[in-house]
PDB file of N, CA and C in Angstrom:
ATOM      1  N   MET A   1     195.144  -0.055 139.320  1.00  0.00           N
ATOM      2  CA  MET A   1     195.959  -0.700 139.748  1.00  0.00           C
ATOM      3  C   MET A   1     197.180   0.281 139.890  1.00  0.00           C
ATOM      4  N   LEU A   2     197.778   0.558 140.794  1.00  0.00           N
ATOM      5  CA  LEU A   2     198.900   1.500 141.173  1.00  0.00           C
ATOM      6  C   LEU A   2     199.896   1.650 139.911  1.00  0.00           C
ATOM      7  N   THR A   3     200.282   0.788 139.441  1.00  0.00           N
ATOM      8  CA  THR A   3     201.408   0.463 138.678  1.00  0.00           C
ATOM      9  C   THR A   3     201.032   1.350 137.260  1.00  0.00           C
ATOM     10  N   ASP A   4     200.008   1.569 137.452  1.00  0.00           N
ATOM     11  CA  ASP A   4     199.339   1.873 135.849  1.00  0.00           C
ATOM     12  C   ASP A   4     198.998   3.484 136.392  1.00  0.00           C
ATOM     13  N   LEU A   5     198.880   3.882 137.378  1.00  0.00           N
ATOM     14  CA  LEU A   5     198.986   5.343 137.595  1.00  0.00           C
ATOM     15  C   LEU A   5     200.333   5.836 138.114  1.00  0.00           C
ATOM     16  N   ILE A   6     201.095   5.042 138.092  1.00  0.00           N
ATOM     17  CA  ILE A   6     202.583   5.958 138.201  1.00  0.00           C
ATOM     18  C   ILE A   6     203.431   5.594 137.401  1.00  0.00           C
ATOM     19  N   LYS A   7     203.361   4.732 136.298  1.00  0.00           N
ATOM     20  CA  LYS A   7     203.999   4.209 135.362  1.00  0.00           C
ATOM     21  C   LYS A   7     204.280   5.375 134.734  1.00  0.00           C
ATOM     22  N   CYS A   8     205.397   4.922 134.017  1.00  0.00           N
ATOM     23  CA  CYS A   8     206.927   6.271 133.365  1.00  0.00           C
ATOM     24  C   CYS A   8     206.771   5.849 131.821  1.00  0.00           C
ATOM     25  N   GLU A   9     206.627   6.599 130.725  1.00  0.00           N
ATOM     26  CA  GLU A   9     206.811   6.170 129.696  1.00  0.00           C
ATOM     27  C   GLU A   9     208.153   6.354 129.009  1.00  0.00           C
ATOM     28  N   ILE A  10     208.950   5.966 128.207  1.00  0.00           N
ATOM     29  CA  ILE A  10     209.894   6.472 127.587  1.00  0.00           C
ATOM     30  C   ILE A  10     209.361   5.995 126.023  1.00  0.00           C
ATOM     31  N   PHE A  11     209.554   7.262 125.478  1.00  0.00           N
ATOM     32  CA  PHE A  11     209.298   6.983 123.945  1.00  0.00           C
ATOM     33  C   PHE A  11     210.213   7.355 122.783  1.00  0.00           C
ATOM     34  N   LEU A  12     209.998   6.037 122.045  1.00  0.00           N
ATOM     35  CA  LEU A  12     210.631   6.102 120.629  1.00  0.00           C
ATOM     36  C   LEU A  12     210.704   7.166 120.046  1.00  0.00           C
ATOM     37  N   VAL A  13     211.508   7.744 119.126  1.00  0.00           N
ATOM     38  CA  VAL A  13     211.712   8.873 118.281  1.00  0.00           C
ATOM     39  C   VAL A  13     211.713   7.929 117.315  1.00  0.00           C
ATOM     40  N   PRO A  14     211.258   9.048 115.999  1.00  0.00           N
ATOM     41  CA  PRO A  14     211.527   8.140 115.217  1.00  0.00           C
ATOM     42  C   PRO A  14     212.871   8.596 114.086  1.00  0.00           C
ATOM     43  N   GLN A  15     213.498   7.774 113.266  1.00  0.00           N
ATOM     44  CA  GLN A  15     214.504   7.974 112.973  1.00  0.00           C
ATOM     45  C   GLN A  15     216.188   8.025 114.165  1.00  0.00           C
ATOM     46  N   ALA A  16     215.658   7.075 115.337  1.00  0.00           N
ATOM     47  CA  ALA A  16     216.506   7.321 116.271  1.00  0.00           C
ATOM     48  C   ALA A  16     217.402   6.087 115.901  1.00  0.00           C
ATOM     49  N   SER A  17     218.996   6.188 116.205  1.00  0.00           N
ATOM     50  CA  SER A  17     220.055   5.250 115.665  1.00  0.00           C
ATOM     51  C   SER A  17     219.735   4.235 116.790  1.00  0.00           C
ATOM     52  N   GLN A  18     220.881   3.228 116.135  1.00  0.00           N
ATOM     53  CA  GLN A  18     220.414   2.019 117.060  1.00  0.00           C
ATOM     54  C   GLN A  18     221.455   2.131 118.712  1.00  0.00           C
ATOM     55  N   GLU A  19     222.133   2.940 118.515  1.00  0.00           N
ATOM     56  CA  GLU A  19     222.621   3.248 119.864  1.00  0.00           C
ATOM     57  C   GLU A  19     221.576   4.037 120.845  1.00  0.00           C
ATOM     58  N   GLU A  20     220.612   4.836 120.483  1.00  0.00           N
ATOM     59  CA  GLU A  20     219.857   6.004 120.905  1.00  0.00           C
ATOM     60  C   GLU A  20     218.649   4.742 121.213  1.00  0.00           C
ATOM     61  N   ILE A  21     218.585   4.042 120.252  1.00  0.00           N
ATOM     62  CA  ILE A  21     217.208   2.613 120.684  1.00  0.00           C
ATOM     63  C   ILE A  21     217.339   1.972 122.161  1.00  0.00           C
ATOM     64  N   SER A  22     218.668   1.350 121.855  1.00  0.00           N
ATOM     65  CA  SER A  22     219.441   0.816 122.525  1.00  0.00           C
ATOM     66  C   SER A  22     219.244   1.310 124.262  1.00  0.00           C
ATOM     67  N   ASP A  23     219.367   2.579 124.368  1.00  0.00           N
ATOM     68  CA  ASP A  23     219.506   3.568 125.053  1.00  0.00           C
ATOM     69  C   ASP A  23     217.909   3.668 126.020  1.00  0.00           C
ATOM     70  N   LEU A  24     217.391   3.671 125.169  1.00  0.00           N
ATOM     71  CA  LEU A  24     215.957   4.064 125.420  1.00  0.00           C
ATOM     72  C   LEU A  24     215.471   2.484 125.611  1.00  0.00           C
ATOM     73  N   ILE A  25     215.744   1.391 125.424  1.00  0.00           N
ATOM     74  CA  ILE A  25     215.179   0.225 125.941  1.00  0.00           C
ATOM     75  C   ILE A  25     215.724  -0.169 127.306  1.00  0.00           C
ATOM     76  N   LYS A  26     217.239   0.375 127.424  1.00  0.00           N
ATOM     77  CA  LYS A  26     217.923   0.230 128.846  1.00  0.00           C
ATOM     78  C   LYS A  26     216.766   1.306 129.780  1.00  0.00           C
ATOM     79  N   ARG A  27     216.862   2.228 129.448  1.00  0.00           N
ATOM     80  CA  ARG A  27     215.820   3.375 130.397  1.00  0.00           C
ATOM     81  C   ARG A  27     214.455   2.936 130.743  1.00  0.00           C
ATOM     82  N   GLU A  28     213.731   2.016 129.603  1.00  0.00           N
ATOM     83  CA  GLU A  28     212.283   1.802 130.017  1.00  0.00           C
ATOM     84  C   GLU A  28     212.659   0.359 130.491  1.00  0.00           C
ATOM     85  N   GLU A  29     213.524  -0.562 130.747  1.00  0.00           N
ATOM     86  CA  GLU A  29     213.767  -1.320 131.863  1.00  0.00           C
ATOM     87  C   GLU A  29     213.976  -1.004 133.296  1.00  0.00           C
ATOM     88  N   ILE A  30     214.866   0.017 133.282  1.00  0.00           N
ATOM     89  CA  ILE A  30     215.019   0.633 134.726  1.00  0.00           C
ATOM     90  C   ILE A  30     213.984   0.967 134.719  1.00  0.00           C
ATOM     91  N   THR A  31     212.865   1.777 133.979  1.00  0.00           N
ATOM     92  CA  THR A  31     211.558   2.798 135.010  1.00  0.00           C
ATOM     93  C   THR A  31     210.474   1.354 134.985  1.00  0.00           C
ATOM     94  N   HIS A  32     210.650  -0.082 134.417  1.00  0.00           N
ATOM     95  CA  HIS A  32     209.407  -0.931 134.654  1.00  0.00           C
ATOM     96  C   HIS A  32     209.865  -1.603 135.763  1.00  0.00           C
ATOM     97  N   LEU A  33     210.935  -1.640 136.011  1.00  0.00           N
ATOM     98  CA  LEU A  33     211.063  -2.768 137.316  1.00  0.00           C
ATOM     99  C   LEU A  33     211.143  -1.670 138.431  1.00  0.00           C
ATOM    100  N   ALA A  34     211.601  -0.678 138.893  1.00  0.00           N
ATOM    101  CA  ALA A  34     211.437   0.045 139.489  1.00  0.00           C
ATOM    102  C   ALA A  34     210.035   0.387 139.675  1.00  0.00           C
ATOM    103  N   ASN A  35     209.061   0.821 138.861  1.00  0.00           N
ATOM    104  CA  ASN A  35     207.294   0.782 138.919  1.00  0.00           C
ATOM    105  C   ASN A  35     206.971  -0.540 139.914  1.00  0.00           C
ATOM    106  N   THR A  36     207.426  -1.941 139.162  1.00  0.00           N
ATOM    107  CA  THR A  36     207.016  -2.876 139.695  1.00  0.00           C
ATOM    108  C   THR A  36     206.915  -3.198 141.195  1.00  0.00           C
ATOM    109  N   ARG A  37     208.562  -2.673 141.511  1.00  0.00           N
ATOM    110  CA  ARG A  37     209.039  -3.504 142.665  1.00  0.00           C
ATOM    111  C   ARG A  37     208.590  -2.261 143.891  1.00  0.00           C
ATOM    112  N   PHE A  38     208.180  -0.822 143.153  1.00  0.00           N
ATOM    113  CA  PHE A  38     207.432   0.052 144.130  1.00  0.00           C
ATOM    114  C   PHE A  38     206.348  -0.429 144.340  1.00  0.00           C
ATOM    115  N   ALA A  39     205.786  -0.679 143.400  1.00  0.00           N
ATOM    116  CA  ALA A  39     204.286  -1.041 143.821  1.00  0.00           C
ATOM    117  C   ALA A  39     204.485  -2.339 144.535  1.00  0.00           C
ATOM    118  N   LEU A  40     204.986  -3.616 144.628  1.00  0.00           N
ATOM    119  CA  LEU A  40     205.219  -4.663 145.362  1.00  0.00           C
ATOM    120  C   LEU A  40     205.306  -4.015 146.627  1.00  0.00           C
ATOM    121  N   GLY A  41     206.007  -2.826 146.868  1.00  0.00           N
ATOM    122  CA  GLY A  41     206.242  -2.473 148.288  1.00  0.00           C
ATOM    123  C   GLY A  41     207.914  -3.353 148.673  1.00  0.00           C
ATOM    124  N   GLU A  42     208.722  -3.250 147.229  1.00  0.00           N
ATOM    125  CA  GLU A  42     210.253  -4.020 147.713  1.00  0.00           C
ATOM    126  C   GLU A  42     210.815  -2.779 148.012  1.00  0.00           C
ATOM    127  N   ILE A  43     210.626  -1.326 147.295  1.00  0.00           N
ATOM    128  CA  ILE A  43     211.352  -0.186 147.412  1.00  0.00           C
ATOM    129  C   ILE A  43     210.944   0.876 148.075  1.00  0.00           C
ATOM    130  N   SER A  44     211.789   1.606 148.546  1.00  0.00           N
ATOM    131  CA  SER A  44     210.763   2.933 148.682  1.00  0.00           C
ATOM    132  C   SER A  44     210.407   3.606 147.801  1.00  0.00           C
ATOM    133  N   PHE A  45     209.450   5.149 148.191  1.00  0.00           N
ATOM    134  CA  PHE A  45     209.097   5.904 146.929  1.00  0.00           C
ATOM    135  C   PHE A  45     210.429   6.956 146.711  1.00  0.00           C
ATOM    136  N   GLN A  46     211.241   7.315 147.307  1.00  0.00           N
ATOM    137  CA  GLN A  46     212.356   7.463 146.912  1.00  0.00           C
ATOM    138  C   GLN A  46     213.482   6.768 146.431  1.00  0.00           C
ATOM    139  N   ASP A  47     213.722   5.586 146.467  1.00  0.00           N
ATOM    140  CA  ASP A  47     214.354   4.825 145.917  1.00  0.00           C
ATOM    141  C   ASP A  47     213.618   4.663 144.444  1.00  0.00           C
ATOM    142  N   TYR A  48     212.450   4.858 144.145  1.00  0.00           N
ATOM    143  CA  TYR A  48     211.954   4.625 143.215  1.00  0.00           C
ATOM    144  C   TYR A  48     212.310   6.141 142.300  1.00  0.00           C
ATOM    145  N   ILE A  49     212.308   7.210 143.261  1.00  0.00           N
ATOM    146  CA  ILE A  49     212.498   8.141 142.358  1.00  0.00           C
ATOM    147  C   ILE A  49     213.994   8.387 142.108  1.00  0.00           C
ATOM    148  N   ASP A  50     214.712   7.840 142.926  1.00  0.00           N
ATOM    149  CA  ASP A  50     216.015   7.854 142.182  1.00  0.00           C
ATOM    150  C   ASP A  50     216.545   6.976 140.805  1.00  0.00           C
ATOM    151  N   CYS A  51     215.490   5.763 140.468  1.00  0.00           N
ATOM    152  CA  CYS A  51     215.979   5.030 139.819  1.00  0.00           C
ATOM    153  C   CYS A  51     215.447   5.824 138.833  1.00  0.00           C
ATOM    154  N   LEU A  52     214.293   6.512 138.279  1.00  0.00           N
ATOM    155  CA  LEU A  52     213.775   7.318 137.353  1.00  0.00           C
ATOM    156  C   LEU A  52     214.534   8.068 137.203  1.00  0.00           C
ATOM    157  N   GLU A  53     215.394   9.045 138.314  1.00  0.00           N
ATOM    158  CA  GLU A  53     216.419   9.491 137.584  1.00  0.00           C
ATOM    159  C   GLU A  53     217.690   9.203 136.904  1.00  0.00           C
ATOM    160  N   VAL A  54     217.686   8.177 137.409  1.00  0.00           N
ATOM    161  CA  VAL A  54     218.977   7.326 136.592  1.00  0.00           C
ATOM    162  C   VAL A  54     218.779   7.064 135.178  1.00  0.00           C
ATOM    163  N   ALA A  55     217.284   6.877 134.833  1.00  0.00           N
ATOM    164  CA  ALA A  55     216.729   6.593 133.800  1.00  0.00           C
ATOM    165  C   ALA A  55     216.410   7.737 133.152  1.00  0.00           C
ATOM    166  N   GLY A  56     216.853   9.157 133.757  1.00  0.00           N
ATOM    167  CA  GLY A  56     216.629  10.535 132.796  1.00  0.00           C
ATOM    168  C   GLY A  56     215.630  10.796 132.710  1.00  0.00           C
ATOM    169  N   VAL A  57     214.449  10.529 133.805  1.00  0.00           N
ATOM    170  CA  VAL A  57     213.354  11.264 133.697  1.00  0.00           C
ATOM    171  C   VAL A  57     213.188  12.471 134.109  1.00  0.00           C
ATOM    172  N   CYS A  58     212.657  13.303 133.927  1.00  0.00           N
ATOM    173  CA  CYS A  58     212.314  14.937 134.859  1.00  0.00           C
ATOM    174  C   CYS A  58     211.529  14.455 136.079  1.00  0.00           C
ATOM    175  N   ILE A  59     212.212  14.784 136.725  1.00  0.00           N
ATOM    176  CA  ILE A  59     211.149  14.218 138.371  1.00  0.00           C
ATOM    177  C   ILE A  59     210.112  15.405 138.290  1.00  0.00           C
ATOM    178  N   ASP A  60     210.547  16.546 137.807  1.00  0.00           N
ATOM    179  CA  ASP A  60     209.872  18.019 138.228  1.00  0.00           C
ATOM    180  C   ASP A  60     208.742  18.030 137.366  1.00  0.00           C
ATOM    181  N   GLU A  61     208.778  16.963 136.047  1.00  0.00           N
ATOM    182  CA  GLU A  61     207.294  17.280 135.176  1.00  0.00           C
ATOM    183  C   GLU A  61     207.020  15.839 135.621  1.00  0.00           C
ATOM    184  N   TYR A  62     207.408  14.763 136.002  1.00  0.00           N
ATOM    185  CA  TYR A  62     206.395  13.573 136.159  1.00  0.00           C
ATOM    186  C   TYR A  62     205.977  13.703 137.575  1.00  0.00           C
ATOM    187  N   LEU A  63     206.045  14.007 138.783  1.00  0.00           N
ATOM    188  CA  LEU A  63     205.565  14.163 139.845  1.00  0.00           C
ATOM    189  C   LEU A  63     204.035  14.527 139.760  1.00  0.00           C
ATOM    190  N   PRO A  64     204.167  15.929 138.886  1.00  0.00           N
ATOM    191  CA  PRO A  64     202.651  16.344 138.694  1.00  0.00           C
ATOM    192  C   PRO A  64     201.692  15.641 137.899  1.00  0.00           C
ATOM    193  N   VAL A  65     202.052  14.406 137.570  1.00  0.00           N
ATOM    194  CA  VAL A  65     201.908  14.054 136.196  1.00  0.00           C
ATOM    195  C   VAL A  65     201.462  12.851 137.233  1.00  0.00           C
ATOM    196  N   ILE A  66     201.604  12.320 138.277  1.00  0.00           N
ATOM    197  CA  ILE A  66     201.544  11.116 138.898  1.00  0.00           C
ATOM    198  C   ILE A  66     200.533  11.658 140.180  1.00  0.00           C
ATOM    199  N   ASP A  67     200.554  12.749 140.363  1.00  0.00           N
ATOM    200  CA  ASP A  67     199.740  13.174 141.604  1.00  0.00           C
ATOM    201  C   ASP A  67     198.210  13.832 140.742  1.00  0.00           C
ATOM    202  N   THR A  68     197.989  13.900 139.548  1.00  0.00           N
ATOM    203  CA  THR A  68     197.266  14.095 138.812  1.00  0.00           C
ATOM    204  C   THR A  68     196.115  12.825 138.715  1.00  0.00           C
ATOM    205  N   ASN A  69     196.995  11.968 138.237  1.00  0.00           N
ATOM    206  CA  ASN A  69     196.524  10.225 138.038  1.00  0.00           C
ATOM    207  C   ASN A  69     195.924   9.809 139.096  1.00  0.00           C
ATOM    208  N   CYS A  70     197.190  10.191 140.339  1.00  0.00           N
ATOM    209  CA  CYS A  70     196.400   9.228 141.815  1.00  0.00           C
ATOM    210  C   CYS A  70     195.138  10.017 142.142  1.00  0.00           C
ATOM    211  N   ARG A  71     194.816  11.553 142.275  1.00  0.00           N
ATOM    212  CA  ARG A  71     193.834  12.133 142.527  1.00  0.00           C
ATOM    213  C   ARG A  71     192.686  11.885 141.713  1.00  0.00           C
ATOM    214  N   LEU A  72     192.846  11.639 140.838  1.00  0.00           N
ATOM    215  CA  LEU A  72     191.479  11.148 139.678  1.00  0.00           C
ATOM    216  C   LEU A  72     190.976   9.879 139.882  1.00  0.00           C
ATOM    217  N   ALA A  73     192.071   8.941 140.303  1.00  0.00           N
ATOM    218  CA  ALA A  73     191.579   7.669 140.552  1.00  0.00           C
ATOM    219  C   ALA A  73     191.133   7.541 141.888  1.00  0.00           C
ATOM    220  N   GLY A  74     191.027   8.696 142.965  1.00  0.00           N
ATOM    221  CA  GLY A  74     190.318   8.754 144.047  1.00  0.00           C
ATOM    222  C   GLY A  74     191.757   7.857 145.241  1.00  0.00           C
ATOM    223  N   PHE A  75     192.900   8.434 144.928  1.00  0.00           N
ATOM    224  CA  PHE A  75     193.889   8.423 146.386  1.00  0.00           C
ATOM    225  C   PHE A  75     194.288   9.693 146.860  1.00  0.00           C
TER     226      PHE A  75
END
């Protein structure tokens, strides 16, 4: 499924403060909603990338990962 190939995971770190946990939850929600909306064709790829940037994702590291995932899946 496309959503699995392009998903972006935000990991919780041990000993995170309540504020950090809250921020990570918000970032995870942004990435999840963007992933779902992009996979359904509701937003463009550029809008998807913009959402990930808002969530603090390093796009330069993210794009090669999804490229590899899609190639391995035959896309």
